[in-house]
Amino acid sequence: MIPSNTPATSRFAIANEFVSSDFIALASHMNDCERSRGRLFFLRAAVESLHALVSPRIVTTGALFVICGLVLLALA
């Protein structure tokens, strides 16, 4: 019989703590993912994609909006 305070048993206790904390983190992540897929999921995904496309080109996008606005004002 192995006493409870041997190094082998304490290693298993540490490993169990890591597995337990990983399991809790995974469960939390899965709950967040399920919650995020609500009614407006597709809209949120589209806005996020647009943001990813526009963010690196913020100056160019701003200039394009200004030019389009000036063209619309000139045509009106």
PDB file of N, CA and C in Angstrom:
ATOM      1  N   MET A   1       0.840  -1.182   0.000  1.00  0.00           N
ATOM      2  CA  MET A   1       0.000   0.000   0.000  1.00  0.00           C
ATOM      3  C   MET A   1       0.890   1.253   0.000  1.00  0.00           C
ATOM      4  N   ILE A   2       0.505   2.262  -0.813  1.00  0.00           N
ATOM      5  CA  ILE A   2       1.286   3.485  -0.925  1.00  0.00           C
ATOM      6  C   ILE A   2       0.691   4.538  -0.003  1.00  0.00           C
ATOM      7  N   PRO A   3       1.493   5.126   0.871  1.00  0.00           N
ATOM      8  CA  PRO A   3       0.969   6.191   1.736  1.00  0.00           C
ATOM      9  C   PRO A   3       0.523   7.387   0.899  1.00  0.00           C
ATOM     10  N   SER A   4      -0.369   8.193   1.437  1.00  0.00           N
ATOM     11  CA  SER A   4      -0.962   9.287   0.673  1.00  0.00           C
ATOM     12  C   SER A   4      -0.020  10.471   0.465  1.00  0.00           C
ATOM     13  N   ASN A   5       1.075  10.539   1.194  1.00  0.00           N
ATOM     14  CA  ASN A   5       1.964  11.689   1.049  1.00  0.00           C
ATOM     15  C   ASN A   5       3.216  11.368   0.228  1.00  0.00           C
ATOM     16  N   THR A   6       3.204  10.296  -0.552  1.00  0.00           N
ATOM     17  CA  THR A   6       4.367   9.975  -1.379  1.00  0.00           C
ATOM     18  C   THR A   6       4.377  10.875  -2.615  1.00  0.00           C
ATOM     19  N   PRO A   7       5.544  11.036  -3.230  1.00  0.00           N
ATOM     20  CA  PRO A   7       5.630  11.887  -4.416  1.00  0.00           C
ATOM     21  C   PRO A   7       4.754  11.389  -5.573  1.00  0.00           C
ATOM     22  N   ALA A   8       4.591  10.071  -5.719  1.00  0.00           N
ATOM     23  CA  ALA A   8       3.775   9.538  -6.824  1.00  0.00           C
ATOM     24  C   ALA A   8       2.332   9.995  -6.687  1.00  0.00           C
ATOM     25  N   THR A   9       1.793   9.926  -5.491  1.00  0.00           N
ATOM     26  CA  THR A   9       0.393  10.328  -5.295  1.00  0.00           C
ATOM     27  C   THR A   9       0.236  11.829  -5.434  1.00  0.00           C
ATOM     28  N   SER A  10       1.199  12.600  -4.985  1.00  0.00           N
ATOM     29  CA  SER A  10       1.074  14.049  -5.104  1.00  0.00           C
ATOM     30  C   SER A  10       1.161  14.473  -6.573  1.00  0.00           C
ATOM     31  N   ARG A  11       1.929  13.726  -7.399  1.00  0.00           N
ATOM     32  CA  ARG A  11       1.972  14.030  -8.831  1.00  0.00           C
ATOM     33  C   ARG A  11       0.603  13.825  -9.464  1.00  0.00           C
ATOM     34  N   PHE A  12      -0.092  12.768  -9.050  1.00  0.00           N
ATOM     35  CA  PHE A  12      -1.429  12.519  -9.590  1.00  0.00           C
ATOM     36  C   PHE A  12      -2.404  13.612  -9.160  1.00  0.00           C
ATOM     37  N   ALA A  13      -2.242  14.105  -7.949  1.00  0.00           N
ATOM     38  CA  ALA A  13      -3.113  15.175  -7.469  1.00  0.00           C
ATOM     39  C   ALA A  13      -2.891  16.446  -8.282  1.00  0.00           C
ATOM     40  N   ILE A  14      -1.642  16.768  -8.602  1.00  0.00           N
ATOM     41  CA  ILE A  14      -1.342  17.948  -9.416  1.00  0.00           C
ATOM     42  C   ILE A  14      -1.895  17.760 -10.822  1.00  0.00           C
ATOM     43  N   ALA A  15      -1.719  16.571 -11.391  1.00  0.00           N
ATOM     44  CA  ALA A  15      -2.236  16.295 -12.736  1.00  0.00           C
ATOM     45  C   ALA A  15      -3.756  16.417 -12.743  1.00  0.00           C
ATOM     46  N   ASN A  16      -4.426  15.930 -11.705  1.00  0.00           N
ATOM     47  CA  ASN A  16      -5.882  16.037 -11.626  1.00  0.00           C
ATOM     48  C   ASN A  16      -6.328  17.491 -11.552  1.00  0.00           C
ATOM     49  N   GLU A  17      -5.569  18.333 -10.859  1.00  0.00           N
ATOM     50  CA  GLU A  17      -5.915  19.757 -10.790  1.00  0.00           C
ATOM     51  C   GLU A  17      -5.817  20.399 -12.161  1.00  0.00           C
ATOM     52  N   PHE A  18      -4.772  20.047 -12.940  1.00  0.00           N
ATOM     53  CA  PHE A  18      -4.625  20.607 -14.287  1.00  0.00           C
ATOM     54  C   PHE A  18      -5.767  20.157 -15.185  1.00  0.00           C
ATOM     55  N   VAL A  19      -6.098  18.870 -15.138  1.00  0.00           N
ATOM     56  CA  VAL A  19      -7.179  18.348 -15.973  1.00  0.00           C
ATOM     57  C   VAL A  19      -8.493  18.983 -15.562  1.00  0.00           C
ATOM     58  N   SER A  20      -8.718  19.120 -14.281  1.00  0.00           N
ATOM     59  CA  SER A  20      -9.949  19.724 -13.796  1.00  0.00           C
ATOM     60  C   SER A  20     -10.068  21.174 -14.244  1.00  0.00           C
ATOM     61  N   SER A  21      -8.981  21.940 -14.133  1.00  0.00           N
ATOM     62  CA  SER A  21      -9.033  23.344 -14.543  1.00  0.00           C
ATOM     63  C   SER A  21      -9.194  23.460 -16.058  1.00  0.00           C
ATOM     64  N   ASP A  22      -8.559  22.566 -16.828  1.00  0.00           N
ATOM     65  CA  ASP A  22      -8.734  22.563 -18.282  1.00  0.00           C
ATOM     66  C   ASP A  22     -10.172  22.227 -18.651  1.00  0.00           C
ATOM     67  N   PHE A  23     -10.752  21.282 -17.959  1.00  0.00           N
ATOM     68  CA  PHE A  23     -12.136  20.896 -18.231  1.00  0.00           C
ATOM     69  C   PHE A  23     -13.086  22.051 -17.934  1.00  0.00           C
ATOM     70  N   ILE A  24     -12.858  22.746 -16.845  1.00  0.00           N
ATOM     71  CA  ILE A  24     -13.699  23.895 -16.493  1.00  0.00           C
ATOM     72  C   ILE A  24     -13.557  24.997 -17.533  1.00  0.00           C
ATOM     73  N   ALA A  25     -12.342  25.256 -17.984  1.00  0.00           N
ATOM     74  CA  ALA A  25     -12.122  26.282 -19.008  1.00  0.00           C
ATOM     75  C   ALA A  25     -12.791  25.889 -20.321  1.00  0.00           C
ATOM     76  N   LEU A  26     -12.707  24.623 -20.702  1.00  0.00           N
ATOM     77  CA  LEU A  26     -13.342  24.151 -21.931  1.00  0.00           C
ATOM     78  C   LEU A  26     -14.857  24.258 -21.830  1.00  0.00           C
ATOM     79  N   ALA A  27     -15.411  23.875 -20.696  1.00  0.00           N
ATOM     80  CA  ALA A  27     -16.856  23.973 -20.508  1.00  0.00           C
ATOM     81  C   ALA A  27     -17.311  25.427 -20.577  1.00  0.00           C
ATOM     82  N   SER A  28     -16.559  26.327 -19.982  1.00  0.00           N
ATOM     83  CA  SER A  28     -16.892  27.747 -20.038  1.00  0.00           C
ATOM     84  C   SER A  28     -16.838  28.261 -21.466  1.00  0.00           C
ATOM     85  N   HIS A  29     -15.813  27.858 -22.214  1.00  0.00           N
ATOM     86  CA  HIS A  29     -15.677  28.282 -23.609  1.00  0.00           C
ATOM     87  C   HIS A  29     -16.847  27.762 -24.450  1.00  0.00           C
ATOM     88  N   MET A  30     -17.224  26.510 -24.247  1.00  0.00           N
ATOM     89  CA  MET A  30     -18.333  25.938 -25.007  1.00  0.00           C
ATOM     90  C   MET A  30     -19.642  26.656 -24.684  1.00  0.00           C
ATOM     91  N   ASN A  31     -19.861  27.024 -23.435  1.00  0.00           N
ATOM     92  CA  ASN A  31     -21.062  27.783 -23.067  1.00  0.00           C
ATOM     93  C   ASN A  31     -21.061  29.155 -23.726  1.00  0.00           C
ATOM     94  N   ASP A  32     -19.908  29.819 -23.757  1.00  0.00           N
ATOM     95  CA  ASP A  32     -19.807  31.131 -24.411  1.00  0.00           C
ATOM     96  C   ASP A  32     -20.100  31.015 -25.903  1.00  0.00           C
ATOM     97  N   CYS A  33     -19.570  29.969 -26.539  1.00  0.00           N
ATOM     98  CA  CYS A  33     -19.818  29.770 -27.973  1.00  0.00           C
ATOM     99  C   CYS A  33     -21.299  29.536 -28.247  1.00  0.00           C
ATOM    100  N   GLU A  34     -21.925  28.727 -27.434  1.00  0.00           N
ATOM    101  CA  GLU A  34     -23.350  28.445 -27.632  1.00  0.00           C
ATOM    102  C   GLU A  34     -24.186  29.698 -27.413  1.00  0.00           C
ATOM    103  N   ARG A  35     -23.828  30.484 -26.416  1.00  0.00           N
ATOM    104  CA  ARG A  35     -24.553  31.716 -26.126  1.00  0.00           C
ATOM    105  C   ARG A  35     -24.383  32.745 -27.246  1.00  0.00           C
ATOM    106  N   SER A  36     -23.209  32.764 -27.870  1.00  0.00           N
ATOM    107  CA  SER A  36     -22.937  33.767 -28.894  1.00  0.00           C
ATOM    108  C   SER A  36     -23.670  33.477 -30.197  1.00  0.00           C
ATOM    109  N   ARG A  37     -24.139  32.263 -30.391  1.00  0.00           N
ATOM    110  CA  ARG A  37     -24.837  31.924 -31.620  1.00  0.00           C
ATOM    111  C   ARG A  37     -26.333  32.181 -31.463  1.00  0.00           C
ATOM    112  N   GLY A  38     -26.651  33.401 -31.112  1.00  0.00           N
ATOM    113  CA  GLY A  38     -28.045  33.787 -30.903  1.00  0.00           C
ATOM    114  C   GLY A  38     -28.718  34.225 -32.183  1.00  0.00           C
ATOM    115  N   ARG A  39     -29.778  35.028 -32.041  1.00  0.00           N
ATOM    116  CA  ARG A  39     -30.573  35.469 -33.180  1.00  0.00           C
ATOM    117  C   ARG A  39     -29.766  36.316 -34.150  1.00  0.00           C
ATOM    118  N   LEU A  40     -28.882  37.126 -33.651  1.00  0.00           N
ATOM    119  CA  LEU A  40     -28.150  38.057 -34.510  1.00  0.00           C
ATOM    120  C   LEU A  40     -26.753  37.558 -34.866  1.00  0.00           C
ATOM    121  N   PHE A  41     -26.547  36.245 -34.821  1.00  0.00           N
ATOM    122  CA  PHE A  41     -25.219  35.688 -35.076  1.00  0.00           C
ATOM    123  C   PHE A  41     -24.736  36.040 -36.479  1.00  0.00           C
ATOM    124  N   PHE A  42     -25.583  35.876 -37.489  1.00  0.00           N
ATOM    125  CA  PHE A  42     -25.156  36.132 -38.863  1.00  0.00           C
ATOM    126  C   PHE A  42     -24.836  37.602 -39.079  1.00  0.00           C
ATOM    127  N   LEU A  43     -25.623  38.476 -38.472  1.00  0.00           N
ATOM    128  CA  LEU A  43     -25.347  39.910 -38.581  1.00  0.00           C
ATOM    129  C   LEU A  43     -24.015  40.251 -37.918  1.00  0.00           C
ATOM    130  N   ARG A  44     -23.801  39.688 -36.723  1.00  0.00           N
ATOM    131  CA  ARG A  44     -22.541  39.925 -36.013  1.00  0.00           C
ATOM    132  C   ARG A  44     -21.347  39.408 -36.813  1.00  0.00           C
ATOM    133  N   ALA A  45     -21.502  38.239 -37.437  1.00  0.00           N
ATOM    134  CA  ALA A  45     -20.415  37.673 -38.243  1.00  0.00           C
ATOM    135  C   ALA A  45     -20.127  38.550 -39.459  1.00  0.00           C
ATOM    136  N   ALA A  46     -21.173  39.082 -40.092  1.00  0.00           N
ATOM    137  CA  ALA A  46     -20.985  39.954 -41.250  1.00  0.00           C
ATOM    138  C   ALA A  46     -20.286  41.253 -40.855  1.00  0.00           C
ATOM    139  N   VAL A  47     -20.703  41.832 -39.733  1.00  0.00           N
ATOM    140  CA  VAL A  47     -20.078  43.077 -39.268  1.00  0.00           C
ATOM    141  C   VAL A  47     -18.626  42.831 -38.889  1.00  0.00           C
ATOM    142  N   GLU A  48     -18.346  41.696 -38.275  1.00  0.00           N
ATOM    143  CA  GLU A  48     -16.967  41.369 -37.905  1.00  0.00           C
ATOM    144  C   GLU A  48     -16.103  41.188 -39.157  1.00  0.00           C
ATOM    145  N   SER A  49     -16.636  40.557 -40.190  1.00  0.00           N
ATOM    146  CA  SER A  49     -15.896  40.391 -41.441  1.00  0.00           C
ATOM    147  C   SER A  49     -15.632  41.741 -42.099  1.00  0.00           C
ATOM    148  N   LEU A  50     -16.638  42.606 -42.104  1.00  0.00           N
ATOM    149  CA  LEU A  50     -16.479  43.940 -42.666  1.00  0.00           C
ATOM    150  C   LEU A  50     -15.422  44.732 -41.897  1.00  0.00           C
ATOM    151  N   HIS A  51     -15.457  44.611 -40.575  1.00  0.00           N
ATOM    152  CA  HIS A  51     -14.480  45.291 -39.729  1.00  0.00           C
ATOM    153  C   HIS A  51     -13.062  44.798 -40.033  1.00  0.00           C
ATOM    154  N   ALA A  52     -12.913  43.488 -40.214  1.00  0.00           N
ATOM    155  CA  ALA A  52     -11.596  42.919 -40.521  1.00  0.00           C
ATOM    156  C   ALA A  52     -11.098  43.401 -41.883  1.00  0.00           C
ATOM    157  N   LEU A  53     -12.012  43.637 -42.812  1.00  0.00           N
ATOM    158  CA  LEU A  53     -11.630  44.104 -44.133  1.00  0.00           C
ATOM    159  C   LEU A  53     -11.272  45.588 -44.119  1.00  0.00           C
ATOM    160  N   VAL A  54     -12.017  46.384 -43.364  1.00  0.00           N
ATOM    161  CA  VAL A  54     -11.864  47.838 -43.389  1.00  0.00           C
ATOM    162  C   VAL A  54     -10.757  48.334 -42.452  1.00  0.00           C
ATOM    163  N   SER A  55     -10.551  47.688 -41.331  1.00  0.00           N
ATOM    164  CA  SER A  55      -9.609  48.180 -40.320  1.00  0.00           C
ATOM    165  C   SER A  55      -8.208  48.483 -40.842  1.00  0.00           C
ATOM    166  N   PRO A  56      -7.594  47.583 -41.581  1.00  0.00           N
ATOM    167  CA  PRO A  56      -6.242  47.911 -42.048  1.00  0.00           C
ATOM    168  C   PRO A  56      -6.217  49.040 -43.074  1.00  0.00           C
ATOM    169  N   ARG A  57      -7.356  49.327 -43.682  1.00  0.00           N
ATOM    170  CA  ARG A  57      -7.415  50.347 -44.733  1.00  0.00           C
ATOM    171  C   ARG A  57      -8.295  51.512 -44.305  1.00  0.00           C
ATOM    172  N   ILE A  58      -8.180  51.931 -43.064  1.00  0.00           N
ATOM    173  CA  ILE A  58      -9.093  52.938 -42.513  1.00  0.00           C
ATOM    174  C   ILE A  58      -8.963  54.280 -43.231  1.00  0.00           C
ATOM    175  N   VAL A  59      -7.769  54.696 -43.586  1.00  0.00           N
ATOM    176  CA  VAL A  59      -7.577  55.981 -44.266  1.00  0.00           C
ATOM    177  C   VAL A  59      -8.162  55.911 -45.674  1.00  0.00           C
ATOM    178  N   THR A  60      -7.896  54.826 -46.380  1.00  0.00           N
ATOM    179  CA  THR A  60      -8.429  54.656 -47.731  1.00  0.00           C
ATOM    180  C   THR A  60      -9.953  54.593 -47.703  1.00  0.00           C
ATOM    181  N   THR A  61     -10.508  53.879 -46.721  1.00  0.00           N
ATOM    182  CA  THR A  61     -11.956  53.780 -46.611  1.00  0.00           C
ATOM    183  C   THR A  61     -12.570  55.142 -46.317  1.00  0.00           C
ATOM    184  N   GLY A  62     -11.970  55.891 -45.428  1.00  0.00           N
ATOM    185  CA  GLY A  62     -12.467  57.235 -45.124  1.00  0.00           C
ATOM    186  C   GLY A  62     -12.420  58.140 -46.341  1.00  0.00           C
ATOM    187  N   ALA A  63     -11.328  58.088 -47.082  1.00  0.00           N
ATOM    188  CA  ALA A  63     -11.207  58.899 -48.289  1.00  0.00           C
ATOM    189  C   ALA A  63     -12.250  58.492 -49.323  1.00  0.00           C
ATOM    190  N   LEU A  64     -12.519  57.203 -49.443  1.00  0.00           N
ATOM    191  CA  LEU A  64     -13.530  56.719 -50.377  1.00  0.00           C
ATOM    192  C   LEU A  64     -14.918  57.231 -49.995  1.00  0.00           C
ATOM    193  N   PHE A  65     -15.237  57.235 -48.710  1.00  0.00           N
ATOM    194  CA  PHE A  65     -16.533  57.769 -48.253  1.00  0.00           C
ATOM    195  C   PHE A  65     -16.643  59.267 -48.558  1.00  0.00           C
ATOM    196  N   VAL A  66     -15.582  59.998 -48.340  1.00  0.00           N
ATOM    197  CA  VAL A  66     -15.599  61.442 -48.609  1.00  0.00           C
ATOM    198  C   VAL A  66     -15.798  61.699 -50.098  1.00  0.00           C
ATOM    199  N   ILE A  67     -15.087  60.983 -50.935  1.00  0.00           N
ATOM    200  CA  ILE A  67     -15.215  61.161 -52.383  1.00  0.00           C
ATOM    201  C   ILE A  67     -16.623  60.800 -52.855  1.00  0.00           C
ATOM    202  N   CYS A  68     -17.156  59.692 -52.341  1.00  0.00           N
ATOM    203  CA  CYS A  68     -18.520  59.294 -52.714  1.00  0.00           C
ATOM    204  C   CYS A  68     -19.530  60.347 -52.257  1.00  0.00           C
ATOM    205  N   GLY A  69     -19.341  60.902 -51.075  1.00  0.00           N
ATOM    206  CA  GLY A  69     -20.224  61.951 -50.579  1.00  0.00           C
ATOM    207  C   GLY A  69     -20.154  63.208 -51.444  1.00  0.00           C
ATOM    208  N   LEU A  70     -18.958  63.571 -51.844  1.00  0.00           N
ATOM    209  CA  LEU A  70     -18.803  64.756 -52.710  1.00  0.00           C
ATOM    210  C   LEU A  70     -19.441  64.536 -54.076  1.00  0.00           C
ATOM    211  N   VAL A  71     -19.318  63.338 -54.614  1.00  0.00           N
ATOM    212  CA  VAL A  71     -19.930  63.013 -55.894  1.00  0.00           C
ATOM    213  C   VAL A  71     -21.449  63.076 -55.791  1.00  0.00           C
ATOM    214  N   LEU A  72     -21.998  62.512 -54.715  1.00  0.00           N
ATOM    215  CA  LEU A  72     -23.438  62.551 -54.504  1.00  0.00           C
ATOM    216  C   LEU A  72     -23.944  63.997 -54.332  1.00  0.00           C
ATOM    217  N   LEU A  73     -23.173  64.834 -53.633  1.00  0.00           N
ATOM    218  CA  LEU A  73     -23.567  66.233 -53.483  1.00  0.00           C
ATOM    219  C   LEU A  73     -23.508  66.972 -54.824  1.00  0.00           C
ATOM    220  N   ALA A  74     -22.536  66.644 -55.650  1.00  0.00           N
ATOM    221  CA  ALA A  74     -22.404  67.291 -56.957  1.00  0.00           C
ATOM    222  C   ALA A  74     -23.529  66.885 -57.894  1.00  0.00           C
ATOM    223  N   LEU A  75     -23.990  65.639 -57.763  1.00  0.00           N
ATOM    224  CA  LEU A  75     -25.080  65.182 -58.627  1.00  0.00           C
ATOM    225  C   LEU A  75     -26.442  65.673 -58.171  1.00  0.00           C
ATOM    226  N   ALA A  76     -26.572  66.041 -56.924  1.00  0.00           N
ATOM    227  CA  ALA A  76     -27.872  66.459 -56.392  1.00  0.00           C
ATOM    228  C   ALA A  76     -28.252  67.851 -56.757  1.00  0.00           C
TER     229      ALA A  76
END
